[in-house]
């Protein structure tokens, strides 16, 4: 991980902790940053299992269909 990405990841982690403080214990958080057209530049940080994250996204998609 390059230095700029490492700094970004550290900042994201601090904010994730602050956000989670507003939710019940055991809540999970996921941060996704997409770069359309540049899939290798996408960023994902999560305290959850990625399969569970994908399932949550699918539930949201199904709910809006």
PDB file of N, CA and C in Angstrom:
ATOM      1  N   UNK A   1       0.864  -1.171   0.000  1.00  0.00           N
ATOM      2  CA  UNK A   1       0.000   0.000   0.000  1.00  0.00           C
ATOM      3  C   UNK A   1       0.908   1.231   0.000  1.00  0.00           C
ATOM      4  N   UNK A   2       0.647   2.150  -0.931  1.00  0.00           N
ATOM      5  CA  UNK A   2       1.482   3.344  -0.976  1.00  0.00           C
ATOM      6  C   UNK A   2       1.157   4.278   0.193  1.00  0.00           C
ATOM      7  N   UNK A   3       2.015   5.252   0.418  1.00  0.00           N
ATOM      8  CA  UNK A   3       1.884   6.129   1.587  1.00  0.00           C
ATOM      9  C   UNK A   3       0.578   6.920   1.581  1.00  0.00           C
ATOM     10  N   UNK A   4       0.163   7.408   0.430  1.00  0.00           N
ATOM     11  CA  UNK A   4      -1.074   8.191   0.349  1.00  0.00           C
ATOM     12  C   UNK A   4      -2.284   7.322   0.681  1.00  0.00           C
ATOM     13  N   UNK A   5      -2.302   6.109   0.140  1.00  0.00           N
ATOM     14  CA  UNK A   5      -3.403   5.198   0.434  1.00  0.00           C
ATOM     15  C   UNK A   5      -3.391   4.800   1.909  1.00  0.00           C
ATOM     16  N   UNK A   6      -2.213   4.607   2.480  1.00  0.00           N
ATOM     17  CA  UNK A   6      -2.110   4.270   3.895  1.00  0.00           C
ATOM     18  C   UNK A   6      -2.670   5.396   4.762  1.00  0.00           C
ATOM     19  N   UNK A   7      -2.342   6.641   4.427  1.00  0.00           N
ATOM     20  CA  UNK A   7      -2.888   7.784   5.178  1.00  0.00           C
ATOM     21  C   UNK A   7      -4.405   7.825   5.051  1.00  0.00           C
ATOM     22  N   UNK A   8      -4.911   7.588   3.855  1.00  0.00           N
ATOM     23  CA  UNK A   8      -6.354   7.568   3.650  1.00  0.00           C
ATOM     24  C   UNK A   8      -7.011   6.471   4.464  1.00  0.00           C
ATOM     25  N   UNK A   9      -6.415   5.286   4.471  1.00  0.00           N
ATOM     26  CA  UNK A   9      -6.960   4.164   5.236  1.00  0.00           C
ATOM     27  C   UNK A   9      -6.992   4.482   6.723  1.00  0.00           C
ATOM     28  N   UNK A  10      -5.964   5.135   7.229  1.00  0.00           N
ATOM     29  CA  UNK A  10      -5.935   5.511   8.647  1.00  0.00           C
ATOM     30  C   UNK A  10      -7.029   6.520   8.975  1.00  0.00           C
ATOM     31  N   UNK A  11      -7.226   7.499   8.093  1.00  0.00           N
ATOM     32  CA  UNK A  11      -8.299   8.484   8.297  1.00  0.00           C
ATOM     33  C   UNK A  11      -9.666   7.812   8.265  1.00  0.00           C
ATOM     34  N   UNK A  12      -9.866   6.907   7.307  1.00  0.00           N
ATOM     35  CA  UNK A  12     -11.134   6.198   7.202  1.00  0.00           C
ATOM     36  C   UNK A  12     -11.388   5.409   8.484  1.00  0.00           C
ATOM     37  N   UNK A  13     -10.363   4.719   8.994  1.00  0.00           N
ATOM     38  CA  UNK A  13     -10.523   3.924  10.208  1.00  0.00           C
ATOM     39  C   UNK A  13     -10.978   4.794  11.377  1.00  0.00           C
ATOM     40  N   UNK A  14     -10.377   5.967  11.536  1.00  0.00           N
ATOM     41  CA  UNK A  14     -10.777   6.870  12.618  1.00  0.00           C
ATOM     42  C   UNK A  14     -12.244   7.273  12.477  1.00  0.00           C
ATOM     43  N   UNK A  15     -12.664   7.586  11.268  1.00  0.00           N
ATOM     44  CA  UNK A  15     -14.046   7.999  11.046  1.00  0.00           C
ATOM     45  C   UNK A  15     -15.008   6.830  11.226  1.00  0.00           C
ATOM     46  N   UNK A  16     -14.583   5.628  10.811  1.00  0.00           N
ATOM     47  CA  UNK A  16     -15.431   4.452  10.999  1.00  0.00           C
ATOM     48  C   UNK A  16     -15.708   4.235  12.484  1.00  0.00           C
ATOM     49  N   UNK A  17     -14.671   4.370  13.303  1.00  0.00           N
ATOM     50  CA  UNK A  17     -14.849   4.206  14.748  1.00  0.00           C
ATOM     51  C   UNK A  17     -15.822   5.240  15.303  1.00  0.00           C
ATOM     52  N   UNK A  18     -15.701   6.479  14.837  1.00  0.00           N
ATOM     53  CA  UNK A  18     -16.592   7.547  15.310  1.00  0.00           C
ATOM     54  C   UNK A  18     -18.035   7.279  14.875  1.00  0.00           C
ATOM     55  N   UNK A  19     -18.221   6.811  13.658  1.00  0.00           N
ATOM     56  CA  UNK A  19     -19.569   6.513  13.160  1.00  0.00           C
ATOM     57  C   UNK A  19     -20.184   5.364  13.950  1.00  0.00           C
ATOM     58  N   UNK A  20     -19.403   4.311  14.170  1.00  0.00           N
ATOM     59  CA  UNK A  20     -19.922   3.152  14.896  1.00  0.00           C
ATOM     60  C   UNK A  20     -20.329   3.486  16.317  1.00  0.00           C
ATOM     61  N   UNK A  21     -19.773   4.531  16.896  1.00  0.00           N
ATOM     62  CA  UNK A  21     -20.133   4.933  18.257  1.00  0.00           C
ATOM     63  C   UNK A  21     -21.610   5.314  18.355  1.00  0.00           C
ATOM     64  N   UNK A  22     -22.250   5.607  17.222  1.00  0.00           N
ATOM     65  CA  UNK A  22     -23.663   6.005  17.198  1.00  0.00           C
ATOM     66  C   UNK A  22     -24.617   4.821  17.051  1.00  0.00           C
ATOM     67  N   UNK A  23     -24.079   3.599  16.949  1.00  0.00           N
ATOM     68  CA  UNK A  23     -24.893   2.415  16.723  1.00  0.00           C
ATOM     69  C   UNK A  23     -24.729   1.425  17.862  1.00  0.00           C
ATOM     70  N   UNK A  24     -25.635   0.470  17.919  1.00  0.00           N
ATOM     71  CA  UNK A  24     -25.593  -0.552  18.956  1.00  0.00           C
ATOM     72  C   UNK A  24     -24.316  -1.382  18.823  1.00  0.00           C
ATOM     73  N   UNK A  25     -23.818  -1.891  19.957  1.00  0.00           N
ATOM     74  CA  UNK A  25     -22.632  -2.768  19.904  1.00  0.00           C
ATOM     75  C   UNK A  25     -22.867  -3.938  18.959  1.00  0.00           C
ATOM     76  N   UNK A  26     -21.849  -4.312  18.238  1.00  0.00           N
ATOM     77  CA  UNK A  26     -21.942  -5.418  17.294  1.00  0.00           C
ATOM     78  C   UNK A  26     -22.238  -4.986  15.868  1.00  0.00           C
ATOM     79  N   UNK A  27     -22.577  -3.690  15.678  1.00  0.00           N
ATOM     80  CA  UNK A  27     -22.833  -3.196  14.323  1.00  0.00           C
ATOM     81  C   UNK A  27     -21.549  -3.289  13.501  1.00  0.00           C
ATOM     82  N   UNK A  28     -21.702  -3.502  12.224  1.00  0.00           N
ATOM     83  CA  UNK A  28     -20.577  -3.589  11.291  1.00  0.00           C
ATOM     84  C   UNK A  28     -20.613  -2.383  10.372  1.00  0.00           C
ATOM     85  N   UNK A  29     -19.466  -2.015   9.862  1.00  0.00           N
ATOM     86  CA  UNK A  29     -19.390  -0.871   8.970  1.00  0.00           C
ATOM     87  C   UNK A  29     -18.525  -1.216   7.771  1.00  0.00           C
ATOM     88  N   UNK A  30     -18.909  -0.682   6.630  1.00  0.00           N
ATOM     89  CA  UNK A  30     -18.161  -0.878   5.391  1.00  0.00           C
ATOM     90  C   UNK A  30     -18.075   0.453   4.668  1.00  0.00           C
ATOM     91  N   UNK A  31     -16.887   0.782   4.223  1.00  0.00           N
ATOM     92  CA  UNK A  31     -16.678   1.989   3.421  1.00  0.00           C
ATOM     93  C   UNK A  31     -16.202   1.537   2.049  1.00  0.00           C
ATOM     94  N   UNK A  32     -16.920   1.966   1.031  1.00  0.00           N
ATOM     95  CA  UNK A  32     -16.558   1.671  -0.349  1.00  0.00           C
ATOM     96  C   UNK A  32     -16.317   2.983  -1.077  1.00  0.00           C
ATOM     97  N   UNK A  33     -15.209   3.057  -1.778  1.00  0.00           N
ATOM     98  CA  UNK A  33     -14.925   4.214  -2.626  1.00  0.00           C
ATOM     99  C   UNK A  33     -14.664   3.666  -4.022  1.00  0.00           C
ATOM    100  N   UNK A  34     -15.555   4.036  -4.943  1.00  0.00           N
ATOM    101  CA  UNK A  34     -15.435   3.544  -6.312  1.00  0.00           C
ATOM    102  C   UNK A  34     -14.802   4.590  -7.205  1.00  0.00           C
ATOM    103  N   UNK A  35     -14.009   4.116  -8.120  1.00  0.00           N
ATOM    104  CA  UNK A  35     -13.452   4.957  -9.171  1.00  0.00           C
ATOM    105  C   UNK A  35     -13.998   4.409 -10.485  1.00  0.00           C
ATOM    106  N   UNK A  36     -15.149   4.938 -10.954  1.00  0.00           N
ATOM    107  CA  UNK A  36     -15.757   4.407 -12.175  1.00  0.00           C
ATOM    108  C   UNK A  36     -14.748   4.343 -13.319  1.00  0.00           C
ATOM    109  N   UNK A  37     -14.739   3.192 -13.969  1.00  0.00           N
ATOM    110  CA  UNK A  37     -13.819   2.990 -15.082  1.00  0.00           C
ATOM    111  C   UNK A  37     -12.416   2.603 -14.662  1.00  0.00           C
ATOM    112  N   UNK A  38     -12.178   2.552 -13.351  1.00  0.00           N
ATOM    113  CA  UNK A  38     -10.842   2.203 -12.844  1.00  0.00           C
ATOM    114  C   UNK A  38     -10.998   1.203 -11.686  1.00  0.00           C
ATOM    115  N   UNK A  39     -11.444  -0.010 -11.958  1.00  0.00           N
ATOM    116  CA  UNK A  39     -11.746  -0.960 -10.884  1.00  0.00           C
ATOM    117  C   UNK A  39     -10.553  -1.302 -10.000  1.00  0.00           C
ATOM    118  N   UNK A  40      -9.357  -1.193 -10.502  1.00  0.00           N
ATOM    119  CA  UNK A  40      -8.202  -1.501  -9.658  1.00  0.00           C
ATOM    120  C   UNK A  40      -7.897  -0.377  -8.671  1.00  0.00           C
ATOM    121  N   UNK A  41      -8.578   0.758  -8.812  1.00  0.00           N
ATOM    122  CA  UNK A  41      -8.369   1.883  -7.895  1.00  0.00           C
ATOM    123  C   UNK A  41      -9.450   1.956  -6.820  1.00  0.00           C
ATOM    124  N   UNK A  42     -10.416   1.033  -6.845  1.00  0.00           N
ATOM    125  CA  UNK A  42     -11.473   1.032  -5.838  1.00  0.00           C
ATOM    126  C   UNK A  42     -10.887   0.760  -4.455  1.00  0.00           C
ATOM    127  N   UNK A  43     -11.588   1.248  -3.417  1.00  0.00           N
ATOM    128  CA  UNK A  43     -11.127   1.106  -2.028  1.00  0.00           C
ATOM    129  C   UNK A  43     -12.257   0.506  -1.214  1.00  0.00           C
ATOM    130  N   UNK A  44     -11.931  -0.471  -0.378  1.00  0.00           N
ATOM    131  CA  UNK A  44     -12.912  -1.083   0.510  1.00  0.00           C
ATOM    132  C   UNK A  44     -12.264  -1.321   1.863  1.00  0.00           C
ATOM    133  N   UNK A  45     -12.934  -0.857   2.915  1.00  0.00           N
ATOM    134  CA  UNK A  45     -12.505  -1.144   4.281  1.00  0.00           C
ATOM    135  C   UNK A  45     -13.754  -1.557   5.039  1.00  0.00           C
ATOM    136  N   UNK A  46     -13.684  -2.679   5.744  1.00  0.00           N
ATOM    137  CA  UNK A  46     -14.855  -3.181   6.439  1.00  0.00           C
ATOM    138  C   UNK A  46     -14.480  -3.915   7.712  1.00  0.00           C
ATOM    139  N   UNK A  47     -15.400  -3.897   8.651  1.00  0.00           N
ATOM    140  CA  UNK A  47     -15.255  -4.706   9.863  1.00  0.00           C
ATOM    141  C   UNK A  47     -16.099  -5.967   9.729  1.00  0.00           C
ATOM    142  N   UNK A  48     -16.635  -6.190   8.542  1.00  0.00           N
ATOM    143  CA  UNK A  48     -17.563  -7.291   8.273  1.00  0.00           C
ATOM    144  C   UNK A  48     -16.930  -8.283   7.304  1.00  0.00           C
ATOM    145  N   UNK A  49     -17.598  -9.394   7.132  1.00  0.00           N
ATOM    146  CA  UNK A  49     -17.222 -10.392   6.147  1.00  0.00           C
ATOM    147  C   UNK A  49     -17.705  -9.902   4.780  1.00  0.00           C
ATOM    148  N   UNK A  50     -16.856  -9.969   3.765  1.00  0.00           N
ATOM    149  CA  UNK A  50     -17.250  -9.441   2.457  1.00  0.00           C
ATOM    150  C   UNK A  50     -18.459 -10.145   1.866  1.00  0.00           C
ATOM    151  N   UNK A  51     -18.661 -11.430   2.151  1.00  0.00           N
ATOM    152  CA  UNK A  51     -19.865 -12.105   1.670  1.00  0.00           C
ATOM    153  C   UNK A  51     -21.115 -11.493   2.309  1.00  0.00           C
ATOM    154  N   UNK A  52     -21.021 -11.134   3.579  1.00  0.00           N
ATOM    155  CA  UNK A  52     -22.148 -10.484   4.262  1.00  0.00           C
ATOM    156  C   UNK A  52     -22.394  -9.089   3.681  1.00  0.00           C
ATOM    157  N   UNK A  53     -21.334  -8.390   3.344  1.00  0.00           N
ATOM    158  CA  UNK A  53     -21.479  -7.066   2.719  1.00  0.00           C
ATOM    159  C   UNK A  53     -22.188  -7.213   1.377  1.00  0.00           C
ATOM    160  N   UNK A  54     -21.762  -8.182   0.582  1.00  0.00           N
ATOM    161  CA  UNK A  54     -22.392  -8.408  -0.723  1.00  0.00           C
ATOM    162  C   UNK A  54     -23.868  -8.773  -0.566  1.00  0.00           C
ATOM    163  N   UNK A  55     -24.189  -9.582   0.453  1.00  0.00           N
ATOM    164  CA  UNK A  55     -25.582  -9.953   0.702  1.00  0.00           C
ATOM    165  C   UNK A  55     -26.411  -8.735   1.092  1.00  0.00           C
ATOM    166  N   UNK A  56     -25.832  -7.840   1.894  1.00  0.00           N
ATOM    167  CA  UNK A  56     -26.544  -6.625   2.283  1.00  0.00           C
ATOM    168  C   UNK A  56     -26.811  -5.736   1.067  1.00  0.00           C
ATOM    169  N   UNK A  57     -25.819  -5.600   0.207  1.00  0.00           N
ATOM    170  CA  UNK A  57     -25.999  -4.792  -1.008  1.00  0.00           C
ATOM    171  C   UNK A  57     -27.095  -5.410  -1.871  1.00  0.00           C
ATOM    172  N   UNK A  58     -27.106  -6.718  -1.993  1.00  0.00           N
ATOM    173  CA  UNK A  58     -28.142  -7.382  -2.792  1.00  0.00           C
ATOM    174  C   UNK A  58     -29.524  -7.151  -2.185  1.00  0.00           C
ATOM    175  N   UNK A  59     -29.640  -7.219  -0.839  1.00  0.00           N
ATOM    176  CA  UNK A  59     -30.938  -6.954  -0.194  1.00  0.00           C
ATOM    177  C   UNK A  59     -31.397  -5.525  -0.500  1.00  0.00           C
ATOM    178  N   UNK A  60     -30.472  -4.582  -0.470  1.00  0.00           N
ATOM    179  CA  UNK A  60     -30.836  -3.187  -0.764  1.00  0.00           C
ATOM    180  C   UNK A  60     -31.286  -3.047  -2.223  1.00  0.00           C
ATOM    181  N   UNK A  61     -30.574  -3.721  -3.114  1.00  0.00           N
ATOM    182  CA  UNK A  61     -30.956  -3.677  -4.533  1.00  0.00           C
ATOM    183  C   UNK A  61     -32.340  -4.277  -4.719  1.00  0.00           C
ATOM    184  N   UNK A  62     -32.592  -5.422  -4.087  1.00  0.00           N
ATOM    185  CA  UNK A  62     -33.895  -6.074  -4.207  1.00  0.00           C
ATOM    186  C   UNK A  62     -35.017  -5.194  -3.638  1.00  0.00           C
ATOM    187  N   UNK A  63     -34.738  -4.485  -2.561  1.00  0.00           N
ATOM    188  CA  UNK A  63     -35.750  -3.637  -1.923  1.00  0.00           C
ATOM    189  C   UNK A  63     -36.115  -2.431  -2.769  1.00  0.00           C
ATOM    190  N   UNK A  64     -35.222  -2.011  -3.643  1.00  0.00           N
ATOM    191  CA  UNK A  64     -35.496  -0.836  -4.469  1.00  0.00           C
ATOM    192  C   UNK A  64     -35.972  -1.202  -5.863  1.00  0.00           C
ATOM    193  N   UNK A  65     -36.038  -2.499  -6.147  1.00  0.00           N
ATOM    194  CA  UNK A  65     -36.439  -2.945  -7.488  1.00  0.00           C
ATOM    195  C   UNK A  65     -37.945  -2.875  -7.645  1.00  0.00           C
TER     196      UNK A  65
END
